[in-house]
């Protein structure tokens, strides 16, 4: 099963974004826990934060250097786990 892909993203108040995925899942995600840290200091400029878009590679992005993984956002948004979305993960051997 392929992971759903984001098809729309919009900035919201504070450090929240609204995201819609191609499977119909949608909602707001709060990113304030990383705002102001590392590369995410750029978000302190509100105009920059509002430039959120879906990159040509499917990431939720603000620039070529600043993006977040759409899979993690999907898991946060839906409460689903990687093994729920990709059952084959359970059967993969783990090298220690």
PDB file of N, CA and C in Angstrom:
ATOM      1  N   UNK A   1       0.845  -1.181   0.000  1.00  0.00           N
ATOM      2  CA  UNK A   1       0.000   0.000   0.000  1.00  0.00           C
ATOM      3  C   UNK A   1       0.892   1.247   0.000  1.00  0.00           C
ATOM      4  N   UNK A   2       0.647   2.148  -0.899  1.00  0.00           N
ATOM      5  CA  UNK A   2       1.409   3.391  -0.974  1.00  0.00           C
ATOM      6  C   UNK A   2       0.876   4.388   0.049  1.00  0.00           C
ATOM      7  N   UNK A   3       1.768   5.190   0.553  1.00  0.00           N
ATOM      8  CA  UNK A   3       1.355   6.243   1.483  1.00  0.00           C
ATOM      9  C   UNK A   3       0.551   7.296   0.727  1.00  0.00           C
ATOM     10  N   UNK A   4      -0.497   7.829   1.355  1.00  0.00           N
ATOM     11  CA  UNK A   4      -1.223   8.933   0.748  1.00  0.00           C
ATOM     12  C   UNK A   4      -0.298  10.134   0.552  1.00  0.00           C
ATOM     13  N   UNK A   5      -0.590  10.924  -0.453  1.00  0.00           N
ATOM     14  CA  UNK A   5       0.235  12.090  -0.761  1.00  0.00           C
ATOM     15  C   UNK A   5      -0.569  13.361  -0.519  1.00  0.00           C
ATOM     16  N   UNK A   6       0.113  14.406  -0.024  1.00  0.00           N
ATOM     17  CA  UNK A   6      -0.603  15.666   0.166  1.00  0.00           C
ATOM     18  C   UNK A   6      -0.954  16.293  -1.176  1.00  0.00           C
ATOM     19  N   UNK A   7      -2.155  16.856  -1.244  1.00  0.00           N
ATOM     20  CA  UNK A   7      -2.585  17.508  -2.483  1.00  0.00           C
ATOM     21  C   UNK A   7      -2.872  18.995  -2.276  1.00  0.00           C
ATOM     22  N   UNK A   8      -2.972  19.410  -1.017  1.00  0.00           N
ATOM     23  CA  UNK A   8      -3.213  20.818  -0.724  1.00  0.00           C
ATOM     24  C   UNK A   8      -2.677  21.126   0.662  1.00  0.00           C
ATOM     25  N   UNK A   9      -2.115  22.314   0.814  1.00  0.00           N
ATOM     26  CA  UNK A   9      -1.628  22.765   2.119  1.00  0.00           C
ATOM     27  C   UNK A   9      -1.829  24.268   2.207  1.00  0.00           C
ATOM     28  N   UNK A  10      -2.243  24.723   3.396  1.00  0.00           N
ATOM     29  CA  UNK A  10      -2.473  26.142   3.626  1.00  0.00           C
ATOM     30  C   UNK A  10      -1.942  26.517   5.000  1.00  0.00           C
ATOM     31  N   UNK A  11      -1.354  27.718   5.123  1.00  0.00           N
ATOM     32  CA  UNK A  11      -0.924  28.179   6.445  1.00  0.00           C
ATOM     33  C   UNK A  11      -2.145  28.571   7.268  1.00  0.00           C
ATOM     34  N   UNK A  12      -2.036  28.391   8.561  1.00  0.00           N
ATOM     35  CA  UNK A  12      -3.086  28.809   9.488  1.00  0.00           C
ATOM     36  C   UNK A  12      -2.455  29.656  10.597  1.00  0.00           C
ATOM     37  N   UNK A  13      -3.262  30.087  11.510  1.00  0.00           N
ATOM     38  CA  UNK A  13      -2.799  30.927  12.608  1.00  0.00           C
ATOM     39  C   UNK A  13      -1.707  30.234  13.418  1.00  0.00           C
ATOM     40  N   UNK A  14      -0.797  31.027  13.950  1.00  0.00           N
ATOM     41  CA  UNK A  14       0.318  30.469  14.712  1.00  0.00           C
ATOM     42  C   UNK A  14       1.215  29.667  13.786  1.00  0.00           C
ATOM     43  N   UNK A  15       1.638  28.531  14.242  1.00  0.00           N
ATOM     44  CA  UNK A  15       2.482  27.642  13.427  1.00  0.00           C
ATOM     45  C   UNK A  15       1.706  26.385  13.066  1.00  0.00           C
ATOM     46  N   UNK A  16       0.491  26.596  12.599  1.00  0.00           N
ATOM     47  CA  UNK A  16      -0.377  25.498  12.193  1.00  0.00           C
ATOM     48  C   UNK A  16      -0.514  25.520  10.672  1.00  0.00           C
ATOM     49  N   UNK A  17      -0.670  24.335  10.113  1.00  0.00           N
ATOM     50  CA  UNK A  17      -0.965  24.216   8.685  1.00  0.00           C
ATOM     51  C   UNK A  17      -2.172  23.298   8.530  1.00  0.00           C
ATOM     52  N   UNK A  18      -2.945  23.539   7.495  1.00  0.00           N
ATOM     53  CA  UNK A  18      -4.036  22.646   7.116  1.00  0.00           C
ATOM     54  C   UNK A  18      -3.545  21.866   5.908  1.00  0.00           C
ATOM     55  N   UNK A  19      -3.702  20.544   5.971  1.00  0.00           N
ATOM     56  CA  UNK A  19      -3.222  19.671   4.894  1.00  0.00           C
ATOM     57  C   UNK A  19      -4.343  18.751   4.457  1.00  0.00           C
ATOM     58  N   UNK A  20      -4.419  18.529   3.139  1.00  0.00           N
ATOM     59  CA  UNK A  20      -5.371  17.574   2.569  1.00  0.00           C
ATOM     60  C   UNK A  20      -4.573  16.531   1.794  1.00  0.00           C
ATOM     61  N   UNK A  21      -4.938  15.258   1.987  1.00  0.00           N
ATOM     62  CA  UNK A  21      -4.262  14.150   1.314  1.00  0.00           C
ATOM     63  C   UNK A  21      -5.170  13.532   0.258  1.00  0.00           C
ATOM     64  N   UNK A  22      -4.547  12.802  -0.667  1.00  0.00           N
ATOM     65  CA  UNK A  22      -5.309  12.232  -1.781  1.00  0.00           C
ATOM     66  C   UNK A  22      -6.238  11.091  -1.386  1.00  0.00           C
ATOM     67  N   UNK A  23      -6.194  10.647  -0.124  1.00  0.00           N
ATOM     68  CA  UNK A  23      -7.148   9.627   0.331  1.00  0.00           C
ATOM     69  C   UNK A  23      -8.334  10.250   1.060  1.00  0.00           C
ATOM     70  N   UNK A  24      -8.389  11.591   1.088  1.00  0.00           N
ATOM     71  CA  UNK A  24      -9.494  12.285   1.732  1.00  0.00           C
ATOM     72  C   UNK A  24      -9.196  12.779   3.141  1.00  0.00           C
ATOM     73  N   UNK A  25      -8.128  12.310   3.752  1.00  0.00           N
ATOM     74  CA  UNK A  25      -7.767  12.792   5.093  1.00  0.00           C
ATOM     75  C   UNK A  25      -7.373  14.262   4.997  1.00  0.00           C
ATOM     76  N   UNK A  26      -7.827  15.047   5.980  1.00  0.00           N
ATOM     77  CA  UNK A  26      -7.463  16.459   6.011  1.00  0.00           C
ATOM     78  C   UNK A  26      -7.599  16.971   7.435  1.00  0.00           C
ATOM     79  N   UNK A  27      -6.911  18.060   7.694  1.00  0.00           N
ATOM     80  CA  UNK A  27      -7.011  18.678   9.005  1.00  0.00           C
ATOM     81  C   UNK A  27      -5.817  19.552   9.300  1.00  0.00           C
ATOM     82  N   UNK A  28      -5.831  20.131  10.493  1.00  0.00           N
ATOM     83  CA  UNK A  28      -4.756  21.015  10.916  1.00  0.00           C
ATOM     84  C   UNK A  28      -3.718  20.258  11.736  1.00  0.00           C
ATOM     85  N   UNK A  29      -2.480  20.683  11.556  1.00  0.00           N
ATOM     86  CA  UNK A  29      -1.362  20.127  12.304  1.00  0.00           C
ATOM     87  C   UNK A  29      -0.604  21.288  12.920  1.00  0.00           C
ATOM     88  N   UNK A  30      -0.289  21.175  14.209  1.00  0.00           N
ATOM     89  CA  UNK A  30       0.438  22.212  14.923  1.00  0.00           C
ATOM     90  C   UNK A  30       1.930  21.916  14.861  1.00  0.00           C
ATOM     91  N   UNK A  31       2.693  22.841  14.304  1.00  0.00           N
ATOM     92  CA  UNK A  31       4.141  22.672  14.168  1.00  0.00           C
ATOM     93  C   UNK A  31       4.914  23.552  15.145  1.00  0.00           C
ATOM     94  N   UNK A  32       4.237  24.103  16.135  1.00  0.00           N
ATOM     95  CA  UNK A  32       4.877  25.049  17.042  1.00  0.00           C
ATOM     96  C   UNK A  32       6.005  24.427  17.860  1.00  0.00           C
ATOM     97  N   UNK A  33       6.022  23.108  17.999  1.00  0.00           N
ATOM     98  CA  UNK A  33       7.083  22.472  18.784  1.00  0.00           C
ATOM     99  C   UNK A  33       8.454  22.575  18.113  1.00  0.00           C
ATOM    100  N   UNK A  34       8.507  22.826  16.812  1.00  0.00           N
ATOM    101  CA  UNK A  34       9.791  22.985  16.120  1.00  0.00           C
ATOM    102  C   UNK A  34      10.027  24.407  15.614  1.00  0.00           C
ATOM    103  N   UNK A  35       9.012  25.255  15.694  1.00  0.00           N
ATOM    104  CA  UNK A  35       9.151  26.642  15.225  1.00  0.00           C
ATOM    105  C   UNK A  35      10.270  27.332  16.001  1.00  0.00           C
ATOM    106  N   UNK A  36      11.165  27.986  15.270  1.00  0.00           N
ATOM    107  CA  UNK A  36      12.261  28.708  15.884  1.00  0.00           C
ATOM    108  C   UNK A  36      13.502  27.876  16.140  1.00  0.00           C
ATOM    109  N   UNK A  37      13.434  26.564  15.866  1.00  0.00           N
ATOM    110  CA  UNK A  37      14.577  25.676  16.090  1.00  0.00           C
ATOM    111  C   UNK A  37      15.294  25.386  14.773  1.00  0.00           C
ATOM    112  N   UNK A  38      16.613  25.465  14.781  1.00  0.00           N
ATOM    113  CA  UNK A  38      17.404  25.125  13.598  1.00  0.00           C
ATOM    114  C   UNK A  38      16.922  25.862  12.363  1.00  0.00           C
ATOM    115  N   UNK A  39      16.731  25.108  11.278  1.00  0.00           N
ATOM    116  CA  UNK A  39      16.288  25.739  10.026  1.00  0.00           C
ATOM    117  C   UNK A  39      14.890  26.341  10.149  1.00  0.00           C
ATOM    118  N   UNK A  40      14.125  25.887  11.132  1.00  0.00           N
ATOM    119  CA  UNK A  40      12.766  26.390  11.302  1.00  0.00           C
ATOM    120  C   UNK A  40      12.726  27.771  11.961  1.00  0.00           C
ATOM    121  N   UNK A  41      13.891  28.373  12.232  1.00  0.00           N
ATOM    122  CA  UNK A  41      13.938  29.775  12.666  1.00  0.00           C
ATOM    123  C   UNK A  41      13.364  30.674  11.580  1.00  0.00           C
ATOM    124  N   UNK A  42      13.459  30.223  10.339  1.00  0.00           N
ATOM    125  CA  UNK A  42      12.921  31.006   9.217  1.00  0.00           C
ATOM    126  C   UNK A  42      11.426  31.255   9.380  1.00  0.00           C
ATOM    127  N   UNK A  43      10.723  30.372  10.081  1.00  0.00           N
ATOM    128  CA  UNK A  43       9.287  30.544  10.284  1.00  0.00           C
ATOM    129  C   UNK A  43       8.953  31.751  11.145  1.00  0.00           C
ATOM    130  N   UNK A  44       9.930  32.284  11.880  1.00  0.00           N
ATOM    131  CA  UNK A  44       9.675  33.456  12.710  1.00  0.00           C
ATOM    132  C   UNK A  44       9.267  34.651  11.843  1.00  0.00           C
ATOM    133  N   UNK A  45       9.629  34.598  10.568  1.00  0.00           N
ATOM    134  CA  UNK A  45       9.158  35.579   9.581  1.00  0.00           C
ATOM    135  C   UNK A  45       7.816  35.054   9.065  1.00  0.00           C
ATOM    136  N   UNK A  46       6.742  35.673   9.480  1.00  0.00           N
ATOM    137  CA  UNK A  46       5.400  35.185   9.142  1.00  0.00           C
ATOM    138  C   UNK A  46       5.180  35.078   7.637  1.00  0.00           C
ATOM    139  N   UNK A  47       5.701  36.043   6.884  1.00  0.00           N
ATOM    140  CA  UNK A  47       5.536  35.983   5.425  1.00  0.00           C
ATOM    141  C   UNK A  47       6.179  34.717   4.860  1.00  0.00           C
ATOM    142  N   UNK A  48       7.316  34.321   5.422  1.00  0.00           N
ATOM    143  CA  UNK A  48       7.978  33.098   4.971  1.00  0.00           C
ATOM    144  C   UNK A  48       7.125  31.882   5.319  1.00  0.00           C
ATOM    145  N   UNK A  49       6.611  31.828   6.546  1.00  0.00           N
ATOM    146  CA  UNK A  49       5.785  30.684   6.959  1.00  0.00           C
ATOM    147  C   UNK A  49       4.587  30.522   6.033  1.00  0.00           C
ATOM    148  N   UNK A  50       4.016  31.620   5.611  1.00  0.00           N
ATOM    149  CA  UNK A  50       2.822  31.573   4.760  1.00  0.00           C
ATOM    150  C   UNK A  50       3.120  31.112   3.338  1.00  0.00           C
ATOM    151  N   UNK A  51       4.382  30.914   2.991  1.00  0.00           N
ATOM    152  CA  UNK A  51       4.755  30.418   1.665  1.00  0.00           C
ATOM    153  C   UNK A  51       4.713  28.890   1.576  1.00  0.00           C
ATOM    154  N   UNK A  52       4.147  28.221   2.565  1.00  0.00           N
ATOM    155  CA  UNK A  52       4.085  26.755   2.562  1.00  0.00           C
ATOM    156  C   UNK A  52       3.416  26.258   1.276  1.00  0.00           C
ATOM    157  N   UNK A  53       3.957  25.191   0.737  1.00  0.00           N
ATOM    158  CA  UNK A  53       3.432  24.614  -0.504  1.00  0.00           C
ATOM    159  C   UNK A  53       3.844  23.140  -0.574  1.00  0.00           C
ATOM    160  N   UNK A  54       3.351  22.455  -1.584  1.00  0.00           N
ATOM    161  CA  UNK A  54       3.759  21.070  -1.829  1.00  0.00           C
ATOM    162  C   UNK A  54       4.863  21.127  -2.879  1.00  0.00           C
ATOM    163  N   UNK A  55       6.014  20.581  -2.538  1.00  0.00           N
ATOM    164  CA  UNK A  55       7.144  20.627  -3.467  1.00  0.00           C
ATOM    165  C   UNK A  55       6.925  19.670  -4.629  1.00  0.00           C
ATOM    166  N   UNK A  56       7.764  19.799  -5.642  1.00  0.00           N
ATOM    167  CA  UNK A  56       7.659  18.906  -6.798  1.00  0.00           C
ATOM    168  C   UNK A  56       7.920  17.455  -6.416  1.00  0.00           C
ATOM    169  N   UNK A  57       8.527  17.226  -5.243  1.00  0.00           N
ATOM    170  CA  UNK A  57       8.806  15.867  -4.777  1.00  0.00           C
ATOM    171  C   UNK A  57       7.776  15.378  -3.767  1.00  0.00           C
ATOM    172  N   UNK A  58       6.747  16.189  -3.493  1.00  0.00           N
ATOM    173  CA  UNK A  58       5.670  15.793  -2.601  1.00  0.00           C
ATOM    174  C   UNK A  58       5.855  16.155  -1.141  1.00  0.00           C
ATOM    175  N   UNK A  59       6.925  16.868  -0.824  1.00  0.00           N
ATOM    176  CA  UNK A  59       7.139  17.291   0.563  1.00  0.00           C
ATOM    177  C   UNK A  59       6.307  18.527   0.857  1.00  0.00           C
ATOM    178  N   UNK A  60       6.025  18.750   2.126  1.00  0.00           N
ATOM    179  CA  UNK A  60       5.409  19.990   2.568  1.00  0.00           C
ATOM    180  C   UNK A  60       6.574  20.941   2.792  1.00  0.00           C
ATOM    181  N   UNK A  61       6.655  21.993   1.992  1.00  0.00           N
ATOM    182  CA  UNK A  61       7.880  22.783   1.920  1.00  0.00           C
ATOM    183  C   UNK A  61       7.627  24.275   2.025  1.00  0.00           C
ATOM    184  N   UNK A  62       8.715  24.964   2.379  1.00  0.00           N
ATOM    185  CA  UNK A  62       8.720  26.427   2.413  1.00  0.00           C
ATOM    186  C   UNK A  62       9.762  26.967   1.441  1.00  0.00           C
ATOM    187  N   UNK A  63      10.767  26.169   1.171  1.00  0.00           N
ATOM    188  CA  UNK A  63      11.837  26.533   0.238  1.00  0.00           C
ATOM    189  C   UNK A  63      12.512  25.241  -0.196  1.00  0.00           C
ATOM    190  N   UNK A  64      13.562  25.369  -1.006  1.00  0.00           N
ATOM    191  CA  UNK A  64      14.311  24.175  -1.410  1.00  0.00           C
ATOM    192  C   UNK A  64      15.048  23.544  -0.238  1.00  0.00           C
ATOM    193  N   UNK A  65      15.309  24.329   0.813  1.00  0.00           N
ATOM    194  CA  UNK A  65      16.067  23.835   1.958  1.00  0.00           C
ATOM    195  C   UNK A  65      15.208  23.467   3.161  1.00  0.00           C
ATOM    196  N   UNK A  66      13.979  23.928   3.198  1.00  0.00           N
ATOM    197  CA  UNK A  66      13.140  23.717   4.378  1.00  0.00           C
ATOM    198  C   UNK A  66      11.866  22.986   3.987  1.00  0.00           C
ATOM    199  N   UNK A  67      11.759  21.747   4.457  1.00  0.00           N
ATOM    200  CA  UNK A  67      10.546  20.968   4.227  1.00  0.00           C
ATOM    201  C   UNK A  67      10.348  19.993   5.370  1.00  0.00           C
ATOM    202  N   UNK A  68       9.166  19.402   5.413  1.00  0.00           N
ATOM    203  CA  UNK A  68       8.878  18.367   6.398  1.00  0.00           C
ATOM    204  C   UNK A  68       8.293  17.159   5.683  1.00  0.00           C
ATOM    205  N   UNK A  69       8.472  16.021   6.282  1.00  0.00           N
ATOM    206  CA  UNK A  69       8.033  14.758   5.687  1.00  0.00           C
ATOM    207  C   UNK A  69       6.504  14.662   5.714  1.00  0.00           C
ATOM    208  N   UNK A  70       5.875  14.496   4.562  1.00  0.00           N
ATOM    209  CA  UNK A  70       4.417  14.401   4.541  1.00  0.00           C
ATOM    210  C   UNK A  70       3.895  13.132   5.218  1.00  0.00           C
ATOM    211  N   UNK A  71       4.709  12.077   5.273  1.00  0.00           N
ATOM    212  CA  UNK A  71       4.275  10.848   5.952  1.00  0.00           C
ATOM    213  C   UNK A  71       4.096  11.097   7.445  1.00  0.00           C
ATOM    214  N   UNK A  72       5.065  11.773   8.069  1.00  0.00           N
ATOM    215  CA  UNK A  72       4.952  12.063   9.499  1.00  0.00           C
ATOM    216  C   UNK A  72       3.755  12.950   9.792  1.00  0.00           C
ATOM    217  N   UNK A  73       3.504  13.924   8.929  1.00  0.00           N
ATOM    218  CA  UNK A  73       2.336  14.792   9.102  1.00  0.00           C
ATOM    219  C   UNK A  73       1.069  13.951   9.004  1.00  0.00           C
ATOM    220  N   UNK A  74       1.023  13.021   8.058  1.00  0.00           N
ATOM    221  CA  UNK A  74      -0.141  12.140   7.898  1.00  0.00           C
ATOM    222  C   UNK A  74      -0.382  11.321   9.167  1.00  0.00           C
ATOM    223  N   UNK A  75       0.690  10.751   9.721  1.00  0.00           N
ATOM    224  CA  UNK A  75       0.552   9.960  10.950  1.00  0.00           C
ATOM    225  C   UNK A  75       0.045  10.831  12.096  1.00  0.00           C
ATOM    226  N   UNK A  76       0.575  12.046  12.230  1.00  0.00           N
ATOM    227  CA  UNK A  76       0.107  12.965  13.276  1.00  0.00           C
ATOM    228  C   UNK A  76      -1.358  13.323  13.070  1.00  0.00           C
ATOM    229  N   UNK A  77      -1.726  13.585  11.851  1.00  0.00           N
ATOM    230  CA  UNK A  77      -3.079  14.014  11.516  1.00  0.00           C
ATOM    231  C   UNK A  77      -4.109  12.916  11.752  1.00  0.00           C
ATOM    232  N   UNK A  78      -3.787  11.702  11.347  1.00  0.00           N
ATOM    233  CA  UNK A  78      -4.762  10.616  11.392  1.00  0.00           C
ATOM    234  C   UNK A  78      -4.645   9.718  12.621  1.00  0.00           C
ATOM    235  N   UNK A  79      -3.500   9.763  13.292  1.00  0.00           N
ATOM    236  CA  UNK A  79      -3.276   8.862  14.423  1.00  0.00           C
ATOM    237  C   UNK A  79      -2.902   7.457  13.996  1.00  0.00           C
ATOM    238  N   UNK A  80      -2.752   7.236  12.701  1.00  0.00           N
ATOM    239  CA  UNK A  80      -2.354   5.918  12.202  1.00  0.00           C
ATOM    240  C   UNK A  80      -0.860   5.716  12.422  1.00  0.00           C
ATOM    241  N   UNK A  81      -0.449   4.451  12.407  1.00  0.00           N
ATOM    242  CA  UNK A  81       0.957   4.108  12.597  1.00  0.00           C
ATOM    243  C   UNK A  81       1.552   3.619  11.282  1.00  0.00           C
ATOM    244  N   UNK A  82       2.887   3.627  11.172  1.00  0.00           N
ATOM    245  CA  UNK A  82       3.516   3.104   9.950  1.00  0.00           C
ATOM    246  C   UNK A  82       3.111   1.652   9.659  1.00  0.00           C
ATOM    247  N   UNK A  83       3.012   0.816  10.683  1.00  0.00           N
ATOM    248  CA  UNK A  83       2.655  -0.585  10.421  1.00  0.00           C
ATOM    249  C   UNK A  83       1.199  -0.736   9.987  1.00  0.00           C
ATOM    250  N   UNK A  84       0.330   0.175  10.382  1.00  0.00           N
ATOM    251  CA  UNK A  84      -1.049   0.138   9.890  1.00  0.00           C
ATOM    252  C   UNK A  84      -1.095   0.468   8.406  1.00  0.00           C
ATOM    253  N   UNK A  85      -0.271   1.423   8.002  1.00  0.00           N
ATOM    254  CA  UNK A  85      -0.270   1.870   6.616  1.00  0.00           C
ATOM    255  C   UNK A  85       0.544   0.947   5.714  1.00  0.00           C
ATOM    256  N   UNK A  86       1.556   0.309   6.284  1.00  0.00           N
ATOM    257  CA  UNK A  86       2.445  -0.565   5.513  1.00  0.00           C
ATOM    258  C   UNK A  86       2.628  -1.869   6.278  1.00  0.00           C
ATOM    259  N   UNK A  87       1.635  -2.762   6.225  1.00  0.00           N
ATOM    260  CA  UNK A  87       1.675  -3.989   7.014  1.00  0.00           C
ATOM    261  C   UNK A  87       2.923  -4.846   6.767  1.00  0.00           C
ATOM    262  N   UNK A  88       3.532  -4.728   5.610  1.00  0.00           N
ATOM    263  CA  UNK A  88       4.730  -5.499   5.309  1.00  0.00           C
ATOM    264  C   UNK A  88       5.905  -5.147   6.203  1.00  0.00           C
ATOM    265  N   UNK A  89       5.852  -4.024   6.875  1.00  0.00           N
ATOM    266  CA  UNK A  89       6.947  -3.640   7.774  1.00  0.00           C
ATOM    267  C   UNK A  89       7.142  -4.661   8.877  1.00  0.00           C
ATOM    268  N   UNK A  90       6.074  -5.264   9.330  1.00  0.00           N
ATOM    269  CA  UNK A  90       6.157  -6.254  10.417  1.00  0.00           C
ATOM    270  C   UNK A  90       6.949  -7.484  10.018  1.00  0.00           C
ATOM    271  N   UNK A  91       6.887  -7.829   8.741  1.00  0.00           N
ATOM    272  CA  UNK A  91       7.525  -9.070   8.299  1.00  0.00           C
ATOM    273  C   UNK A  91       8.970  -8.867   7.861  1.00  0.00           C
ATOM    274  N   UNK A  92       9.446  -7.632   7.905  1.00  0.00           N
ATOM    275  CA  UNK A  92      10.821  -7.364   7.498  1.00  0.00           C
ATOM    276  C   UNK A  92      11.777  -7.754   8.612  1.00  0.00           C
ATOM    277  N   UNK A  93      12.840  -8.508   8.289  1.00  0.00           N
ATOM    278  CA  UNK A  93      13.821  -8.861   9.319  1.00  0.00           C
ATOM    279  C   UNK A  93      14.574  -7.613   9.789  1.00  0.00           C
ATOM    280  N   UNK A  94      14.955  -7.628  11.039  1.00  0.00           N
ATOM    281  CA  UNK A  94      15.699  -6.518  11.603  1.00  0.00           C
ATOM    282  C   UNK A  94      17.114  -6.977  11.923  1.00  0.00           C
ATOM    283  N   UNK A  95      18.106  -6.308  11.346  1.00  0.00           N
ATOM    284  CA  UNK A  95      19.504  -6.608  11.662  1.00  0.00           C
ATOM    285  C   UNK A  95      19.910  -5.814  12.879  1.00  0.00           C
ATOM    286  N   UNK A  96      20.516  -6.485  13.824  1.00  0.00           N
ATOM    287  CA  UNK A  96      20.956  -5.804  15.033  1.00  0.00           C
ATOM    288  C   UNK A  96      22.452  -5.720  15.074  1.00  0.00           C
TER     289      UNK A  96
END
